[in-house]
Amino acid sequence: MDEYQMEFATGFGESYQNCPACGKEMVAGHSECFSCGVVIQRFQDRAKMHATKQSIGGIDHLTDVDLKKLDKKWKQVVVNYNDQDEHQKFISVCQENGALPFAVHHYSKMLEIDREDDIAELMRRQALSRLTIQALPENTRPSQKTDLPVDFIIKTILWGALMLSLALIVVGFINPGARNLIGLGFSFFVMFIALLLYRRR
């Protein structure tokens, strides 16, 4: 399409701009270029994602869809900036996607805006810490200790007391020289019943 045809098709008085893909003149505000047919918004989104990957580094494996999801998560963090849960969710999503550099980059940007931003400093350190642990070989990573749940510990004590009381009572009945174990067994049994009743309160 030559210049006259373009002007005829779009109407006189239109403003023009260069296509970001092919560089040829096109009508400003149109979604597609007449010359190369590129969809402008898609091209700009892809260019933005490419620039993001180049500026951050370490996230080349992410697809454009992945980056859009992470960008959306970051916007939620900014909107709810004082909500610690939102920050933790964002860091976790970044870690799951192997995109902790993305988190480090954005929190660093927040610190450039405000050096006194304690939240950004804390979350940046957390992201860097997780990134450092990820970079270590498997055999040199610090072991993550998992605390046993309180409920499991209480159940173990209860059933341990029951088994011990029954064992002592049985031994006391079988062995005539150890009759005093029967009384000890009953005391453990009473302790089991008391703990069980206390737990169900």
C-alpha atoms as a PDB file:
ATOM      1  CA  MET A   1       0.000   0.000   0.000  1.00  0.00           C
ATOM      2  CA  ASP A   2       1.529   3.331  -1.086  1.00  0.00           C
ATOM      3  CA  GLU A   3       1.238   6.636   0.759  1.00  0.00           C
ATOM      4  CA  TYR A   4      -1.813   7.805  -1.244  1.00  0.00           C
ATOM      5  CA  GLN A   5      -3.707   4.530  -0.680  1.00  0.00           C
ATOM      6  CA  MET A   6      -2.948   4.624   3.038  1.00  0.00           C
ATOM      7  CA  GLU A   7      -4.211   8.187   3.285  1.00  0.00           C
ATOM      8  CA  PHE A   8      -7.350   7.300   1.337  1.00  0.00           C
ATOM      9  CA  ALA A   9      -8.043   4.203   3.467  1.00  0.00           C
ATOM     10  CA  THR A  10      -7.549   5.867   6.810  1.00  0.00           C
ATOM     11  CA  GLY A  11      -8.807   9.364   6.141  1.00  0.00           C
ATOM     12  CA  PHE A  12      -7.050  12.703   5.895  1.00  0.00           C
ATOM     13  CA  GLY A  13      -5.555  14.462   8.884  1.00  0.00           C
ATOM     14  CA  GLU A  14      -4.323  11.266  10.609  1.00  0.00           C
ATOM     15  CA  SER A  15      -1.038  11.404  12.501  1.00  0.00           C
ATOM     16  CA  TYR A  16       1.685   8.926  11.675  1.00  0.00           C
ATOM     17  CA  GLN A  17       4.429   7.079  13.515  1.00  0.00           C
ATOM     18  CA  ASN A  18       7.103   4.572  12.627  1.00  0.00           C
ATOM     19  CA  CYS A  19       6.323   0.887  13.116  1.00  0.00           C
ATOM     20  CA  PRO A  20       8.438  -0.453  16.002  1.00  0.00           C
ATOM     21  CA  ALA A  21       9.019  -3.689  14.077  1.00  0.00           C
ATOM     22  CA  CYS A  22       9.815  -2.685  10.481  1.00  0.00           C
ATOM     23  CA  GLY A  23      10.372   1.064  10.929  1.00  0.00           C
ATOM     24  CA  LYS A  24       7.976   2.043   8.144  1.00  0.00           C
ATOM     25  CA  GLU A  25       5.370   4.760   8.529  1.00  0.00           C
ATOM     26  CA  MET A  26       1.973   3.732   9.896  1.00  0.00           C
ATOM     27  CA  VAL A  27      -1.116   5.436  11.264  1.00  0.00           C
ATOM     28  CA  ALA A  28      -0.686   6.315  14.935  1.00  0.00           C
ATOM     29  CA  GLY A  29      -2.997   4.386  17.238  1.00  0.00           C
ATOM     30  CA  HIS A  30      -3.617   1.478  14.849  1.00  0.00           C
ATOM     31  CA  SER A  31      -3.196  -1.989  16.334  1.00  0.00           C
ATOM     32  CA  GLU A  32      -1.408  -3.413  13.270  1.00  0.00           C
ATOM     33  CA  CYS A  33       1.224  -2.193  10.843  1.00  0.00           C
ATOM     34  CA  PHE A  34       0.068  -1.956   7.205  1.00  0.00           C
ATOM     35  CA  SER A  35       3.529  -2.833   5.912  1.00  0.00           C
ATOM     36  CA  CYS A  36       4.640  -5.864   7.960  1.00  0.00           C
ATOM     37  CA  GLY A  37       1.344  -6.848   9.596  1.00  0.00           C
ATOM     38  CA  VAL A  38       2.788  -7.016  13.112  1.00  0.00           C
ATOM     39  CA  VAL A  39       0.390  -6.566  16.035  1.00  0.00           C
ATOM     40  CA  ILE A  40       1.907  -3.567  17.826  1.00  0.00           C
ATOM     41  CA  GLN A  41       0.855  -4.471  21.382  1.00  0.00           C
ATOM     42  CA  ARG A  42       2.240  -8.008  21.088  1.00  0.00           C
ATOM     43  CA  PHE A  43       5.484  -6.723  19.639  1.00  0.00           C
ATOM     44  CA  GLN A  44       5.859  -4.173  22.433  1.00  0.00           C
ATOM     45  CA  ASP A  45       5.050  -6.782  25.107  1.00  0.00           C
ATOM     46  CA  ARG A  46       7.664  -9.144  23.669  1.00  0.00           C
ATOM     47  CA  ALA A  47      10.228  -6.361  23.465  1.00  0.00           C
ATOM     48  CA  LYS A  48       9.488  -5.434  27.089  1.00  0.00           C
ATOM     49  CA  MET A  49       9.920  -9.053  28.230  1.00  0.00           C
ATOM     50  CA  HIS A  50      13.192  -9.337  26.304  1.00  0.00           C
ATOM     51  CA  ALA A  51      14.449  -6.124  27.912  1.00  0.00           C
ATOM     52  CA  THR A  52      13.411  -7.428  31.352  1.00  0.00           C
ATOM     53  CA  LYS A  53      15.387 -10.658  30.821  1.00  0.00           C
ATOM     54  CA  GLN A  54      18.443  -8.699  29.676  1.00  0.00           C
ATOM     55  CA  SER A  55      18.325  -6.230  32.569  1.00  0.00           C
ATOM     56  CA  ILE A  56      17.785  -8.841  35.305  1.00  0.00           C
ATOM     57  CA  GLY A  57      19.728 -11.888  34.124  1.00  0.00           C
ATOM     58  CA  GLY A  58      19.334 -15.453  35.345  1.00  0.00           C
ATOM     59  CA  ILE A  59      15.742 -15.739  34.122  1.00  0.00           C
ATOM     60  CA  ASP A  60      16.308 -16.670  30.467  1.00  0.00           C
ATOM     61  CA  HIS A  61      14.463 -19.969  31.005  1.00  0.00           C
ATOM     62  CA  LEU A  62      11.196 -18.153  31.755  1.00  0.00           C
ATOM     63  CA  THR A  63       8.583 -17.817  29.031  1.00  0.00           C
ATOM     64  CA  ASP A  64       6.706 -14.583  28.347  1.00  0.00           C
ATOM     65  CA  VAL A  65       3.677 -16.115  30.104  1.00  0.00           C
ATOM     66  CA  ASP A  66       5.806 -16.867  33.194  1.00  0.00           C
ATOM     67  CA  LEU A  67       7.111 -13.300  33.280  1.00  0.00           C
ATOM     68  CA  LYS A  68       3.612 -11.871  32.946  1.00  0.00           C
ATOM     69  CA  LYS A  69       2.448 -13.979  35.905  1.00  0.00           C
ATOM     70  CA  LEU A  70       5.407 -12.851  38.013  1.00  0.00           C
ATOM     71  CA  ASP A  71       4.814  -9.244  36.989  1.00  0.00           C
ATOM     72  CA  LYS A  72       1.166  -9.587  38.045  1.00  0.00           C
ATOM     73  CA  LYS A  73       2.268 -11.040  41.404  1.00  0.00           C
ATOM     74  CA  TRP A  74       4.641  -8.123  41.917  1.00  0.00           C
ATOM     75  CA  LYS A  75       1.853  -5.627  41.215  1.00  0.00           C
ATOM     76  CA  GLN A  76      -0.230  -7.355  43.920  1.00  0.00           C
ATOM     77  CA  VAL A  77       2.715  -6.953  46.312  1.00  0.00           C
ATOM     78  CA  VAL A  78       2.962  -3.234  45.534  1.00  0.00           C
ATOM     79  CA  VAL A  79      -0.778  -2.726  46.078  1.00  0.00           C
ATOM     80  CA  ASN A  80      -0.643  -4.606  49.421  1.00  0.00           C
ATOM     81  CA  TYR A  81       2.883  -3.524  50.335  1.00  0.00           C
ATOM     82  CA  ASN A  82       2.430  -3.734  54.118  1.00  0.00           C
ATOM     83  CA  ASP A  83       0.977  -7.254  53.935  1.00  0.00           C
ATOM     84  CA  GLN A  84       3.813  -9.626  54.873  1.00  0.00           C
ATOM     85  CA  ASP A  85       1.917 -12.631  53.463  1.00  0.00           C
ATOM     86  CA  GLU A  86       1.892 -11.080  49.977  1.00  0.00           C
ATOM     87  CA  HIS A  87       5.675 -10.662  50.102  1.00  0.00           C
ATOM     88  CA  GLN A  88       6.166 -14.271  51.236  1.00  0.00           C
ATOM     89  CA  LYS A  89       3.862 -15.562  48.477  1.00  0.00           C
ATOM     90  CA  PHE A  90       5.775 -13.542  45.893  1.00  0.00           C
ATOM     91  CA  ILE A  91       9.152 -14.851  47.086  1.00  0.00           C
ATOM     92  CA  SER A  92       7.832 -18.437  47.113  1.00  0.00           C
ATOM     93  CA  VAL A  93       6.395 -18.141  43.583  1.00  0.00           C
ATOM     94  CA  CYS A  94       9.711 -16.729  42.362  1.00  0.00           C
ATOM     95  CA  GLN A  95      11.588 -19.611  44.000  1.00  0.00           C
ATOM     96  CA  GLU A  96       9.234 -22.224  42.503  1.00  0.00           C
ATOM     97  CA  ASN A  97       9.817 -20.752  39.031  1.00  0.00           C
ATOM     98  CA  GLY A  98      13.577 -20.388  39.497  1.00  0.00           C
ATOM     99  CA  ALA A  99      13.119 -16.632  39.286  1.00  0.00           C
ATOM    100  CA  LEU A 100      14.600 -15.354  42.552  1.00  0.00           C
ATOM    101  CA  PRO A 101      16.734 -12.815  40.597  1.00  0.00           C
ATOM    102  CA  PHE A 102      13.396 -11.276  39.537  1.00  0.00           C
ATOM    103  CA  ALA A 103      12.510 -10.728  43.220  1.00  0.00           C
ATOM    104  CA  VAL A 104      15.978  -9.385  44.056  1.00  0.00           C
ATOM    105  CA  HIS A 105      15.756  -6.935  41.141  1.00  0.00           C
ATOM    106  CA  HIS A 106      12.380  -5.513  42.160  1.00  0.00           C
ATOM    107  CA  TYR A 107      13.225  -5.146  45.835  1.00  0.00           C
ATOM    108  CA  SER A 108      16.500  -3.475  44.829  1.00  0.00           C
ATOM    109  CA  LYS A 109      14.477  -1.018  42.752  1.00  0.00           C
ATOM    110  CA  MET A 110      12.306  -0.250  45.777  1.00  0.00           C
ATOM    111  CA  LEU A 111      15.451   0.461  47.796  1.00  0.00           C
ATOM    112  CA  GLU A 112      16.664   2.835  45.076  1.00  0.00           C
ATOM    113  CA  ILE A 113      13.437   4.772  45.556  1.00  0.00           C
ATOM    114  CA  ASP A 114      13.623   4.681  49.365  1.00  0.00           C
ATOM    115  CA  ARG A 115      16.812   3.571  51.098  1.00  0.00           C
ATOM    116  CA  GLU A 116      14.960   3.451  54.427  1.00  0.00           C
ATOM    117  CA  ASP A 117      12.467   0.861  53.156  1.00  0.00           C
ATOM    118  CA  ASP A 118      12.865  -1.873  55.802  1.00  0.00           C
ATOM    119  CA  ILE A 119      10.430  -4.233  54.074  1.00  0.00           C
ATOM    120  CA  ALA A 120      12.317  -4.090  50.770  1.00  0.00           C
ATOM    121  CA  GLU A 121      15.647  -4.591  52.584  1.00  0.00           C
ATOM    122  CA  LEU A 122      14.336  -7.604  54.517  1.00  0.00           C
ATOM    123  CA  MET A 123      12.722  -9.269  51.479  1.00  0.00           C
ATOM    124  CA  ARG A 124      15.746  -8.577  49.283  1.00  0.00           C
ATOM    125  CA  ARG A 125      17.964 -10.315  51.852  1.00  0.00           C
ATOM    126  CA  GLN A 126      15.562 -13.233  52.043  1.00  0.00           C
ATOM    127  CA  ALA A 127      15.519 -13.621  48.246  1.00  0.00           C
ATOM    128  CA  LEU A 128      19.336 -13.387  48.101  1.00  0.00           C
ATOM    129  CA  SER A 129      19.642 -15.963  50.883  1.00  0.00           C
ATOM    130  CA  ARG A 130      17.389 -18.431  49.057  1.00  0.00           C
ATOM    131  CA  LEU A 131      19.225 -17.753  45.809  1.00  0.00           C
ATOM    132  CA  THR A 132      22.574 -18.475  47.505  1.00  0.00           C
ATOM    133  CA  ILE A 133      21.271 -21.760  48.952  1.00  0.00           C
ATOM    134  CA  GLN A 134      19.929 -22.757  45.519  1.00  0.00           C
ATOM    135  CA  ALA A 135      23.340 -22.113  43.981  1.00  0.00           C
ATOM    136  CA  LEU A 136      25.111 -24.431  46.450  1.00  0.00           C
ATOM    137  CA  PRO A 137      25.661 -28.108  45.531  1.00  0.00           C
ATOM    138  CA  GLU A 138      23.106 -30.463  47.083  1.00  0.00           C
ATOM    139  CA  ASN A 139      25.603 -32.033  49.529  1.00  0.00           C
ATOM    140  CA  THR A 140      26.743 -28.641  50.887  1.00  0.00           C
ATOM    141  CA  ARG A 141      23.314 -27.108  51.457  1.00  0.00           C
ATOM    142  CA  PRO A 142      22.361 -26.540  55.105  1.00  0.00           C
ATOM    143  CA  SER A 143      19.939 -29.168  56.321  1.00  0.00           C
ATOM    144  CA  GLN A 144      16.448 -27.848  56.918  1.00  0.00           C
ATOM    145  CA  LYS A 145      15.229 -28.960  60.342  1.00  0.00           C
ATOM    146  CA  THR A 146      11.552 -29.670  60.535  1.00  0.00           C
ATOM    147  CA  ASP A 147       9.984 -29.317  63.960  1.00  0.00           C
ATOM    148  CA  LEU A 148       7.714 -32.174  64.997  1.00  0.00           C
ATOM    149  CA  PRO A 149       4.098 -31.054  65.447  1.00  0.00           C
ATOM    150  CA  VAL A 150       2.964 -30.738  69.073  1.00  0.00           C
ATOM    151  CA  ASP A 151       0.008 -33.046  68.428  1.00  0.00           C
ATOM    152  CA  PHE A 152       2.353 -35.862  67.321  1.00  0.00           C
ATOM    153  CA  ILE A 153       4.527 -35.458  70.444  1.00  0.00           C
ATOM    154  CA  ILE A 154       1.501 -35.586  72.773  1.00  0.00           C
ATOM    155  CA  LYS A 155       0.132 -38.694  71.039  1.00  0.00           C
ATOM    156  CA  THR A 156       3.548 -40.384  71.328  1.00  0.00           C
ATOM    157  CA  ILE A 157       3.705 -39.647  75.085  1.00  0.00           C
ATOM    158  CA  LEU A 158       0.139 -40.905  75.617  1.00  0.00           C
ATOM    159  CA  TRP A 159       0.557 -44.183  73.787  1.00  0.00           C
ATOM    160  CA  GLY A 160       4.027 -44.661  75.261  1.00  0.00           C
ATOM    161  CA  ALA A 161       2.564 -44.354  78.772  1.00  0.00           C
ATOM    162  CA  LEU A 162      -0.205 -46.827  77.918  1.00  0.00           C
ATOM    163  CA  MET A 163       2.191 -49.431  76.475  1.00  0.00           C
ATOM    164  CA  LEU A 164       4.591 -49.059  79.421  1.00  0.00           C
ATOM    165  CA  SER A 165       1.785 -49.426  81.981  1.00  0.00           C
ATOM    166  CA  LEU A 166       0.460 -52.587  80.293  1.00  0.00           C
ATOM    167  CA  ALA A 167       3.964 -54.057  80.041  1.00  0.00           C
ATOM    168  CA  LEU A 168       4.644 -53.435  83.748  1.00  0.00           C
ATOM    169  CA  ILE A 169       1.309 -54.970  84.781  1.00  0.00           C
ATOM    170  CA  VAL A 170       1.904 -58.079  82.644  1.00  0.00           C
ATOM    171  CA  VAL A 171       5.456 -58.535  84.001  1.00  0.00           C
ATOM    172  CA  GLY A 172       4.156 -58.095  87.570  1.00  0.00           C
ATOM    173  CA  PHE A 173       1.543 -60.814  87.112  1.00  0.00           C
ATOM    174  CA  ILE A 174       3.929 -63.242  85.390  1.00  0.00           C
ATOM    175  CA  ASN A 175       6.866 -62.781  87.784  1.00  0.00           C
ATOM    176  CA  PRO A 176       5.835 -63.254  91.454  1.00  0.00           C
ATOM    177  CA  GLY A 177       9.035 -61.554  92.637  1.00  0.00           C
ATOM    178  CA  ALA A 178       8.102 -58.350  90.817  1.00  0.00           C
ATOM    179  CA  ARG A 179       4.583 -57.814  92.148  1.00  0.00           C
ATOM    180  CA  ASN A 180       5.387 -54.165  92.901  1.00  0.00           C
ATOM    181  CA  LEU A 181       5.529 -53.545  89.120  1.00  0.00           C
ATOM    182  CA  ILE A 182       1.752 -54.018  88.994  1.00  0.00           C
ATOM    183  CA  GLY A 183       1.245 -50.914  91.149  1.00  0.00           C
ATOM    184  CA  LEU A 184       3.738 -48.975  89.038  1.00  0.00           C
ATOM    185  CA  GLY A 185       1.953 -50.098  85.892  1.00  0.00           C
ATOM    186  CA  PHE A 186      -1.394 -48.958  87.276  1.00  0.00           C
ATOM    187  CA  SER A 187       0.118 -45.560  88.118  1.00  0.00           C
ATOM    188  CA  PHE A 188       1.282 -45.164  84.497  1.00  0.00           C
ATOM    189  CA  PHE A 189      -2.177 -46.248  83.324  1.00  0.00           C
ATOM    190  CA  VAL A 190      -3.810 -43.608  85.543  1.00  0.00           C
ATOM    191  CA  MET A 191      -1.385 -41.014  84.096  1.00  0.00           C
ATOM    192  CA  PHE A 192      -2.448 -42.086  80.579  1.00  0.00           C
ATOM    193  CA  ILE A 193      -6.138 -41.678  81.450  1.00  0.00           C
ATOM    194  CA  ALA A 194      -5.496 -38.276  83.079  1.00  0.00           C
ATOM    195  CA  LEU A 195      -3.550 -36.967  80.063  1.00  0.00           C
ATOM    196  CA  LEU A 196      -6.189 -38.295  77.705  1.00  0.00           C
ATOM    197  CA  LEU A 197      -8.990 -36.543  79.613  1.00  0.00           C
ATOM    198  CA  TYR A 198      -6.934 -33.330  79.869  1.00  0.00           C
ATOM    199  CA  ARG A 199      -6.282 -33.345  76.105  1.00  0.00           C
ATOM    200  CA  ARG A 200      -9.988 -33.763  75.301  1.00  0.00           C
ATOM    201  CA  ARG A 201     -11.019 -30.785  77.452  1.00  0.00           C
END
